[in-house]
Amino acid sequence: MNTPKRELVLLSRPSLTREEDYEREVAQLDKLLQKAEQWEFFCEVHEFIDLNRYKIFRKPYQIQQILQEKPLKPFVFLINKN
């Protein structure tokens, strides 16, 4: 089996899967996680709700700017759009 780039825990029945299935599943999970960890993708699937100003921030540059603030302001929430 190829050495994975990260540690993953896969829960499955060992009697039902072969070594090739594990390798394929780890490769697919790694590919999926690489996309999910990109900054642009993160900004697409999240939004900030600021209850102080009653605003919703959806634009990627606004989300980046809010996340880069060291202490987040009270009542500013990061919400997943799903």
PDB file of N, CA and C in Angstrom:
ATOM      1  N   MET A   1       0.835  -1.176   0.000  1.00  0.00           N
ATOM      2  CA  MET A   1       0.000   0.000   0.000  1.00  0.00           C
ATOM      3  C   MET A   1       0.883   1.243   0.000  1.00  0.00           C
ATOM      4  N   ASN A   2       0.529   2.252  -0.787  1.00  0.00           N
ATOM      5  CA  ASN A   2       1.289   3.488  -0.840  1.00  0.00           C
ATOM      6  C   ASN A   2       1.155   4.235   0.480  1.00  0.00           C
ATOM      7  N   THR A   3       2.217   4.955   0.834  1.00  0.00           N
ATOM      8  CA  THR A   3       2.182   5.720   2.068  1.00  0.00           C
ATOM      9  C   THR A   3       1.270   6.926   1.884  1.00  0.00           C
ATOM     10  N   PRO A   4       0.219   7.032   2.691  1.00  0.00           N
ATOM     11  CA  PRO A   4      -0.687   8.177   2.542  1.00  0.00           C
ATOM     12  C   PRO A   4      -0.027   9.470   3.015  1.00  0.00           C
ATOM     13  N   LYS A   5      -0.522  10.594   2.540  1.00  0.00           N
ATOM     14  CA  LYS A   5       0.021  11.893   2.907  1.00  0.00           C
ATOM     15  C   LYS A   5      -0.509  12.362   4.253  1.00  0.00           C
ATOM     16  N   ARG A   6      -1.539  11.714   4.747  1.00  0.00           N
ATOM     17  CA  ARG A   6      -2.154  12.098   6.012  1.00  0.00           C
ATOM     18  C   ARG A   6      -2.644  10.841   6.711  1.00  0.00           C
ATOM     19  N   GLU A   7      -2.996  10.979   7.964  1.00  0.00           N
ATOM     20  CA  GLU A   7      -3.531   9.851   8.702  1.00  0.00           C
ATOM     21  C   GLU A   7      -5.050   9.870   8.614  1.00  0.00           C
ATOM     22  N   LEU A   8      -5.618   8.777   8.170  1.00  0.00           N
ATOM     23  CA  LEU A   8      -7.066   8.639   8.061  1.00  0.00           C
ATOM     24  C   LEU A   8      -7.502   7.380   8.791  1.00  0.00           C
ATOM     25  N   VAL A   9      -8.651   7.440   9.387  1.00  0.00           N
ATOM     26  CA  VAL A   9      -9.223   6.270  10.041  1.00  0.00           C
ATOM     27  C   VAL A   9     -10.413   5.820   9.199  1.00  0.00           C
ATOM     28  N   LEU A  10     -10.321   4.598   8.692  1.00  0.00           N
ATOM     29  CA  LEU A  10     -11.403   4.045   7.887  1.00  0.00           C
ATOM     30  C   LEU A  10     -12.074   2.930   8.673  1.00  0.00           C
ATOM     31  N   LEU A  11     -13.360   3.044   8.852  1.00  0.00           N
ATOM     32  CA  LEU A  11     -14.101   2.017   9.565  1.00  0.00           C
ATOM     33  C   LEU A  11     -14.882   1.201   8.545  1.00  0.00           C
ATOM     34  N   SER A  12     -14.552  -0.075   8.470  1.00  0.00           N
ATOM     35  CA  SER A  12     -15.243  -0.979   7.550  1.00  0.00           C
ATOM     36  C   SER A  12     -15.023  -2.406   8.024  1.00  0.00           C
ATOM     37  N   ARG A  13     -15.731  -3.292   7.384  1.00  0.00           N
ATOM     38  CA  ARG A  13     -15.576  -4.709   7.722  1.00  0.00           C
ATOM     39  C   ARG A  13     -14.408  -5.273   6.919  1.00  0.00           C
ATOM     40  N   PRO A  14     -13.389  -5.751   7.603  1.00  0.00           N
ATOM     41  CA  PRO A  14     -12.209  -6.248   6.879  1.00  0.00           C
ATOM     42  C   PRO A  14     -12.501  -7.473   6.003  1.00  0.00           C
ATOM     43  N   SER A  15     -13.491  -8.248   6.337  1.00  0.00           N
ATOM     44  CA  SER A  15     -13.778  -9.439   5.545  1.00  0.00           C
ATOM     45  C   SER A  15     -14.448  -9.093   4.213  1.00  0.00           C
ATOM     46  N   LEU A  16     -14.985  -7.878   4.097  1.00  0.00           N
ATOM     47  CA  LEU A  16     -15.706  -7.501   2.888  1.00  0.00           C
ATOM     48  C   LEU A  16     -14.878  -6.682   1.908  1.00  0.00           C
ATOM     49  N   THR A  17     -13.707  -6.202   2.316  1.00  0.00           N
ATOM     50  CA  THR A  17     -12.910  -5.360   1.439  1.00  0.00           C
ATOM     51  C   THR A  17     -11.518  -5.932   1.247  1.00  0.00           C
ATOM     52  N   ARG A  18     -10.966  -5.636   0.076  1.00  0.00           N
ATOM     53  CA  ARG A  18      -9.611  -6.076  -0.247  1.00  0.00           C
ATOM     54  C   ARG A  18      -8.647  -4.911  -0.053  1.00  0.00           C
ATOM     55  N   GLU A  19      -7.363  -5.221  -0.144  1.00  0.00           N
ATOM     56  CA  GLU A  19      -6.322  -4.196   0.012  1.00  0.00           C
ATOM     57  C   GLU A  19      -6.444  -3.123  -1.070  1.00  0.00           C
ATOM     58  N   GLU A  20      -6.794  -3.529  -2.288  1.00  0.00           N
ATOM     59  CA  GLU A  20      -6.944  -2.558  -3.388  1.00  0.00           C
ATOM     60  C   GLU A  20      -8.093  -1.588  -3.101  1.00  0.00           C
ATOM     61  N   ASP A  21      -9.150  -2.090  -2.459  1.00  0.00           N
ATOM     62  CA  ASP A  21     -10.282  -1.223  -2.112  1.00  0.00           C
ATOM     63  C   ASP A  21      -9.866  -0.163  -1.100  1.00  0.00           C
ATOM     64  N   TYR A  22      -9.052  -0.563  -0.119  1.00  0.00           N
ATOM     65  CA  TYR A  22      -8.559   0.397   0.862  1.00  0.00           C
ATOM     66  C   TYR A  22      -7.705   1.467   0.181  1.00  0.00           C
ATOM     67  N   GLU A  23      -6.814   1.039  -0.702  1.00  0.00           N
ATOM     68  CA  GLU A  23      -5.949   1.990  -1.397  1.00  0.00           C
ATOM     69  C   GLU A  23      -6.761   2.977  -2.218  1.00  0.00           C
ATOM     70  N   ARG A  24      -7.767   2.492  -2.922  1.00  0.00           N
ATOM     71  CA  ARG A  24      -8.606   3.359  -3.743  1.00  0.00           C
ATOM     72  C   ARG A  24      -9.395   4.331  -2.867  1.00  0.00           C
ATOM     73  N   GLU A  25      -9.912   3.838  -1.756  1.00  0.00           N
ATOM     74  CA  GLU A  25     -10.698   4.693  -0.873  1.00  0.00           C
ATOM     75  C   GLU A  25      -9.830   5.777  -0.226  1.00  0.00           C
ATOM     76  N   VAL A  26      -8.620   5.428   0.186  1.00  0.00           N
ATOM     77  CA  VAL A  26      -7.704   6.410   0.766  1.00  0.00           C
ATOM     78  C   VAL A  26      -7.328   7.457  -0.279  1.00  0.00           C
ATOM     79  N   ALA A  27      -7.083   7.032  -1.511  1.00  0.00           N
ATOM     80  CA  ALA A  27      -6.743   7.979  -2.579  1.00  0.00           C
ATOM     81  C   ALA A  27      -7.905   8.924  -2.854  1.00  0.00           C
ATOM     82  N   GLN A  28      -9.126   8.417  -2.864  1.00  0.00           N
ATOM     83  CA  GLN A  28     -10.293   9.260  -3.112  1.00  0.00           C
ATOM     84  C   GLN A  28     -10.523  10.241  -1.959  1.00  0.00           C
ATOM     85  N   LEU A  29     -10.361   9.778  -0.735  1.00  0.00           N
ATOM     86  CA  LEU A  29     -10.517  10.660   0.423  1.00  0.00           C
ATOM     87  C   LEU A  29      -9.450  11.747   0.432  1.00  0.00           C
ATOM     88  N   ASP A  30      -8.226  11.383   0.080  1.00  0.00           N
ATOM     89  CA  ASP A  30      -7.149  12.360   0.030  1.00  0.00           C
ATOM     90  C   ASP A  30      -7.446  13.428  -1.026  1.00  0.00           C
ATOM     91  N   LYS A  31      -7.930  12.996  -2.173  1.00  0.00           N
ATOM     92  CA  LYS A  31      -8.281  13.936  -3.248  1.00  0.00           C
ATOM     93  C   LYS A  31      -9.409  14.867  -2.810  1.00  0.00           C
ATOM     94  N   LEU A  32     -10.411  14.326  -2.141  1.00  0.00           N
ATOM     95  CA  LEU A  32     -11.537  15.116  -1.644  1.00  0.00           C
ATOM     96  C   LEU A  32     -11.086  16.120  -0.593  1.00  0.00           C
ATOM     97  N   LEU A  33     -10.237  15.693   0.333  1.00  0.00           N
ATOM     98  CA  LEU A  33      -9.767  16.575   1.397  1.00  0.00           C
ATOM     99  C   LEU A  33      -8.850  17.668   0.867  1.00  0.00           C
ATOM    100  N   GLN A  34      -8.072  17.371  -0.169  1.00  0.00           N
ATOM    101  CA  GLN A  34      -7.222  18.404  -0.757  1.00  0.00           C
ATOM    102  C   GLN A  34      -8.067  19.544  -1.301  1.00  0.00           C
ATOM    103  N   LYS A  35      -9.183  19.218  -1.937  1.00  0.00           N
ATOM    104  CA  LYS A  35     -10.058  20.260  -2.458  1.00  0.00           C
ATOM    105  C   LYS A  35     -10.735  21.016  -1.320  1.00  0.00           C
ATOM    106  N   ALA A  36     -11.190  20.297  -0.317  1.00  0.00           N
ATOM    107  CA  ALA A  36     -11.909  20.927   0.792  1.00  0.00           C
ATOM    108  C   ALA A  36     -11.013  21.848   1.615  1.00  0.00           C
ATOM    109  N   GLU A  37      -9.716  21.621   1.600  1.00  0.00           N
ATOM    110  CA  GLU A  37      -8.801  22.425   2.397  1.00  0.00           C
ATOM    111  C   GLU A  37      -8.324  23.681   1.674  1.00  0.00           C
ATOM    112  N   GLN A  38      -8.746  23.883   0.450  1.00  0.00           N
ATOM    113  CA  GLN A  38      -8.351  25.082  -0.280  1.00  0.00           C
ATOM    114  C   GLN A  38      -9.132  26.286   0.229  1.00  0.00           C
ATOM    115  N   TRP A  39      -8.451  27.423   0.273  1.00  0.00           N
ATOM    116  CA  TRP A  39      -9.037  28.640   0.818  1.00  0.00           C
ATOM    117  C   TRP A  39     -10.260  29.075   0.024  1.00  0.00           C
ATOM    118  N   GLU A  40     -10.211  28.998  -1.313  1.00  0.00           N
ATOM    119  CA  GLU A  40     -11.320  29.436  -2.154  1.00  0.00           C
ATOM    120  C   GLU A  40     -12.564  28.579  -1.905  1.00  0.00           C
ATOM    121  N   PHE A  41     -12.366  27.294  -1.790  1.00  0.00           N
ATOM    122  CA  PHE A  41     -13.489  26.393  -1.546  1.00  0.00           C
ATOM    123  C   PHE A  41     -14.106  26.651  -0.174  1.00  0.00           C
ATOM    124  N   PHE A  42     -13.256  26.893   0.812  1.00  0.00           N
ATOM    125  CA  PHE A  42     -13.744  27.197   2.161  1.00  0.00           C
ATOM    126  C   PHE A  42     -14.633  28.434   2.140  1.00  0.00           C
ATOM    127  N   CYS A  43     -14.195  29.457   1.411  1.00  0.00           N
ATOM    128  CA  CYS A  43     -14.969  30.708   1.346  1.00  0.00           C
ATOM    129  C   CYS A  43     -16.270  30.536   0.573  1.00  0.00           C
ATOM    130  N   GLU A  44     -16.311  29.612  -0.371  1.00  0.00           N
ATOM    131  CA  GLU A  44     -17.535  29.373  -1.136  1.00  0.00           C
ATOM    132  C   GLU A  44     -18.624  28.719  -0.290  1.00  0.00           C
ATOM    133  N   VAL A  45     -18.243  27.890   0.646  1.00  0.00           N
ATOM    134  CA  VAL A  45     -19.235  27.113   1.390  1.00  0.00           C
ATOM    135  C   VAL A  45     -19.544  27.673   2.774  1.00  0.00           C
ATOM    136  N   HIS A  46     -18.946  28.832   3.109  1.00  0.00           N
ATOM    137  CA  HIS A  46     -19.222  29.455   4.402  1.00  0.00           C
ATOM    138  C   HIS A  46     -19.648  30.898   4.207  1.00  0.00           C
ATOM    139  N   GLU A  47     -20.287  31.420   5.226  1.00  0.00           N
ATOM    140  CA  GLU A  47     -20.640  32.834   5.262  1.00  0.00           C
ATOM    141  C   GLU A  47     -20.574  33.308   6.706  1.00  0.00           C
ATOM    142  N   PHE A  48     -20.388  34.598   6.873  1.00  0.00           N
ATOM    143  CA  PHE A  48     -20.367  35.200   8.203  1.00  0.00           C
ATOM    144  C   PHE A  48     -21.650  35.969   8.413  1.00  0.00           C
ATOM    145  N   ILE A  49     -22.191  35.836   9.600  1.00  0.00           N
ATOM    146  CA  ILE A  49     -23.350  36.622   9.993  1.00  0.00           C
ATOM    147  C   ILE A  49     -22.917  37.507  11.161  1.00  0.00           C
ATOM    148  N   ASP A  50     -23.045  38.801  10.951  1.00  0.00           N
ATOM    149  CA  ASP A  50     -22.666  39.786  11.964  1.00  0.00           C
ATOM    150  C   ASP A  50     -23.945  40.346  12.572  1.00  0.00           C
ATOM    151  N   LEU A  51     -24.243  39.941  13.782  1.00  0.00           N
ATOM    152  CA  LEU A  51     -25.451  40.408  14.452  1.00  0.00           C
ATOM    153  C   LEU A  51     -25.307  41.818  15.016  1.00  0.00           C
ATOM    154  N   ASN A  52     -24.082  42.329  15.095  1.00  0.00           N
ATOM    155  CA  ASN A  52     -23.881  43.707  15.551  1.00  0.00           C
ATOM    156  C   ASN A  52     -24.362  44.704  14.499  1.00  0.00           C
ATOM    157  N   ARG A  53     -24.090  44.376  13.237  1.00  0.00           N
ATOM    158  CA  ARG A  53     -24.470  45.281  12.145  1.00  0.00           C
ATOM    159  C   ARG A  53     -25.632  44.737  11.314  1.00  0.00           C
ATOM    160  N   TYR A  54     -26.116  43.566  11.661  1.00  0.00           N
ATOM    161  CA  TYR A  54     -27.199  42.904  10.934  1.00  0.00           C
ATOM    162  C   TYR A  54     -26.841  42.728   9.458  1.00  0.00           C
ATOM    163  N   LYS A  55     -25.656  42.137   9.220  1.00  0.00           N
ATOM    164  CA  LYS A  55     -25.173  41.924   7.865  1.00  0.00           C
ATOM    165  C   LYS A  55     -24.760  40.475   7.684  1.00  0.00           C
ATOM    166  N   ILE A  56     -24.830  40.036   6.437  1.00  0.00           N
ATOM    167  CA  ILE A  56     -24.342  38.726   6.051  1.00  0.00           C
ATOM    168  C   ILE A  56     -23.220  38.934   5.043  1.00  0.00           C
ATOM    169  N   PHE A  57     -22.075  38.335   5.296  1.00  0.00           N
ATOM    170  CA  PHE A  57     -20.920  38.460   4.412  1.00  0.00           C
ATOM    171  C   PHE A  57     -20.733  37.147   3.659  1.00  0.00           C
ATOM    172  N   ARG A  58     -20.817  37.204   2.333  1.00  0.00           N
ATOM    173  CA  ARG A  58     -20.703  36.004   1.505  1.00  0.00           C
ATOM    174  C   ARG A  58     -19.513  36.049   0.555  1.00  0.00           C
ATOM    175  N   LYS A  59     -18.947  37.200   0.334  1.00  0.00           N
ATOM    176  CA  LYS A  59     -17.851  37.341  -0.634  1.00  0.00           C
ATOM    177  C   LYS A  59     -16.564  36.810  -0.022  1.00  0.00           C
ATOM    178  N   PRO A  60     -15.770  36.071  -0.836  1.00  0.00           N
ATOM    179  CA  PRO A  60     -14.552  35.451  -0.303  1.00  0.00           C
ATOM    180  C   PRO A  60     -13.575  36.434   0.343  1.00  0.00           C
ATOM    181  N   TYR A  61     -13.387  37.606  -0.257  1.00  0.00           N
ATOM    182  CA  TYR A  61     -12.432  38.543   0.339  1.00  0.00           C
ATOM    183  C   TYR A  61     -12.931  39.060   1.692  1.00  0.00           C
ATOM    184  N   GLN A  62     -14.254  39.175   1.866  1.00  0.00           N
ATOM    185  CA  GLN A  62     -14.795  39.609   3.155  1.00  0.00           C
ATOM    186  C   GLN A  62     -14.597  38.521   4.213  1.00  0.00           C
ATOM    187  N   ILE A  63     -14.806  37.279   3.816  1.00  0.00           N
ATOM    188  CA  ILE A  63     -14.622  36.159   4.753  1.00  0.00           C
ATOM    189  C   ILE A  63     -13.164  36.067   5.178  1.00  0.00           C
ATOM    190  N   GLN A  64     -12.251  36.226   4.217  1.00  0.00           N
ATOM    191  CA  GLN A  64     -10.826  36.210   4.545  1.00  0.00           C
ATOM    192  C   GLN A  64     -10.480  37.333   5.513  1.00  0.00           C
ATOM    193  N   GLN A  65     -10.998  38.499   5.257  1.00  0.00           N
ATOM    194  CA  GLN A  65     -10.700  39.655   6.095  1.00  0.00           C
ATOM    195  C   GLN A  65     -11.191  39.436   7.526  1.00  0.00           C
ATOM    196  N   ILE A  66     -12.380  38.894   7.686  1.00  0.00           N
ATOM    197  CA  ILE A  66     -12.921  38.649   9.027  1.00  0.00           C
ATOM    198  C   ILE A  66     -12.112  37.577   9.749  1.00  0.00           C
ATOM    199  N   LEU A  67     -11.716  36.524   9.026  1.00  0.00           N
ATOM    200  CA  LEU A  67     -10.943  35.450   9.658  1.00  0.00           C
ATOM    201  C   LEU A  67      -9.545  35.896  10.043  1.00  0.00           C
ATOM    202  N   GLN A  68      -9.011  36.876   9.360  1.00  0.00           N
ATOM    203  CA  GLN A  68      -7.661  37.339   9.671  1.00  0.00           C
ATOM    204  C   GLN A  68      -7.630  38.312  10.845  1.00  0.00           C
ATOM    205  N   GLU A  69      -8.785  38.803  11.266  1.00  0.00           N
ATOM    206  CA  GLU A  69      -8.835  39.631  12.470  1.00  0.00           C
ATOM    207  C   GLU A  69      -8.447  38.754  13.657  1.00  0.00           C
ATOM    208  N   LYS A  70      -7.550  39.249  14.470  1.00  0.00           N
ATOM    209  CA  LYS A  70      -7.065  38.411  15.568  1.00  0.00           C
ATOM    210  C   LYS A  70      -8.170  38.074  16.572  1.00  0.00           C
ATOM    211  N   PRO A  71      -8.707  39.019  17.310  1.00  0.00           N
ATOM    212  CA  PRO A  71      -9.855  38.652  18.149  1.00  0.00           C
ATOM    213  C   PRO A  71     -11.141  38.893  17.352  1.00  0.00           C
ATOM    214  N   LEU A  72     -11.900  37.858  17.151  1.00  0.00           N
ATOM    215  CA  LEU A  72     -13.183  38.033  16.466  1.00  0.00           C
ATOM    216  C   LEU A  72     -14.124  38.817  17.366  1.00  0.00           C
ATOM    217  N   LYS A  73     -14.922  39.617  16.744  1.00  0.00           N
ATOM    218  CA  LYS A  73     -15.876  40.427  17.497  1.00  0.00           C
ATOM    219  C   LYS A  73     -16.982  39.533  18.053  1.00  0.00           C
ATOM    220  N   PRO A  74     -17.593  39.927  19.149  1.00  0.00           N
ATOM    221  CA  PRO A  74     -18.717  39.151  19.676  1.00  0.00           C
ATOM    222  C   PRO A  74     -19.895  39.173  18.704  1.00  0.00           C
ATOM    223  N   PHE A  75     -20.626  38.105  18.685  1.00  0.00           N
ATOM    224  CA  PHE A  75     -21.832  37.958  17.872  1.00  0.00           C
ATOM    225  C   PHE A  75     -21.563  38.020  16.373  1.00  0.00           C
ATOM    226  N   VAL A  76     -20.406  37.526  15.975  1.00  0.00           N
ATOM    227  CA  VAL A  76     -20.068  37.334  14.566  1.00  0.00           C
ATOM    228  C   VAL A  76     -19.889  35.833  14.407  1.00  0.00           C
ATOM    229  N   PHE A  77     -20.723  35.213  13.562  1.00  0.00           N
ATOM    230  CA  PHE A  77     -20.753  33.765  13.468  1.00  0.00           C
ATOM    231  C   PHE A  77     -20.363  33.287  12.084  1.00  0.00           C
ATOM    232  N   LEU A  78     -19.581  32.222  12.041  1.00  0.00           N
ATOM    233  CA  LEU A  78     -19.243  31.545  10.801  1.00  0.00           C
ATOM    234  C   LEU A  78     -20.247  30.427  10.594  1.00  0.00           C
ATOM    235  N   ILE A  79     -20.952  30.461   9.476  1.00  0.00           N
ATOM    236  CA  ILE A  79     -22.011  29.504   9.193  1.00  0.00           C
ATOM    237  C   ILE A  79     -21.694  28.747   7.914  1.00  0.00           C
ATOM    238  N   ASN A  80     -21.885  27.437   7.936  1.00  0.00           N
ATOM    239  CA  ASN A  80     -21.762  26.632   6.731  1.00  0.00           C
ATOM    240  C   ASN A  80     -23.056  26.736   5.942  1.00  0.00           C
ATOM    241  N   LYS A  81     -22.950  26.934   4.636  1.00  0.00           N
ATOM    242  CA  LYS A  81     -24.134  27.146   3.793  1.00  0.00           C
ATOM    243  C   LYS A  81     -24.922  25.858   3.589  1.00  0.00           C
ATOM    244  N   ASN A  82     -24.356  24.730   3.890  1.00  0.00           N
ATOM    245  CA  ASN A  82     -25.085  23.474   3.685  1.00  0.00           C
ATOM    246  C   ASN A  82     -26.158  23.391   4.697  1.00  0.00           C
TER     247      ASN A  82
END
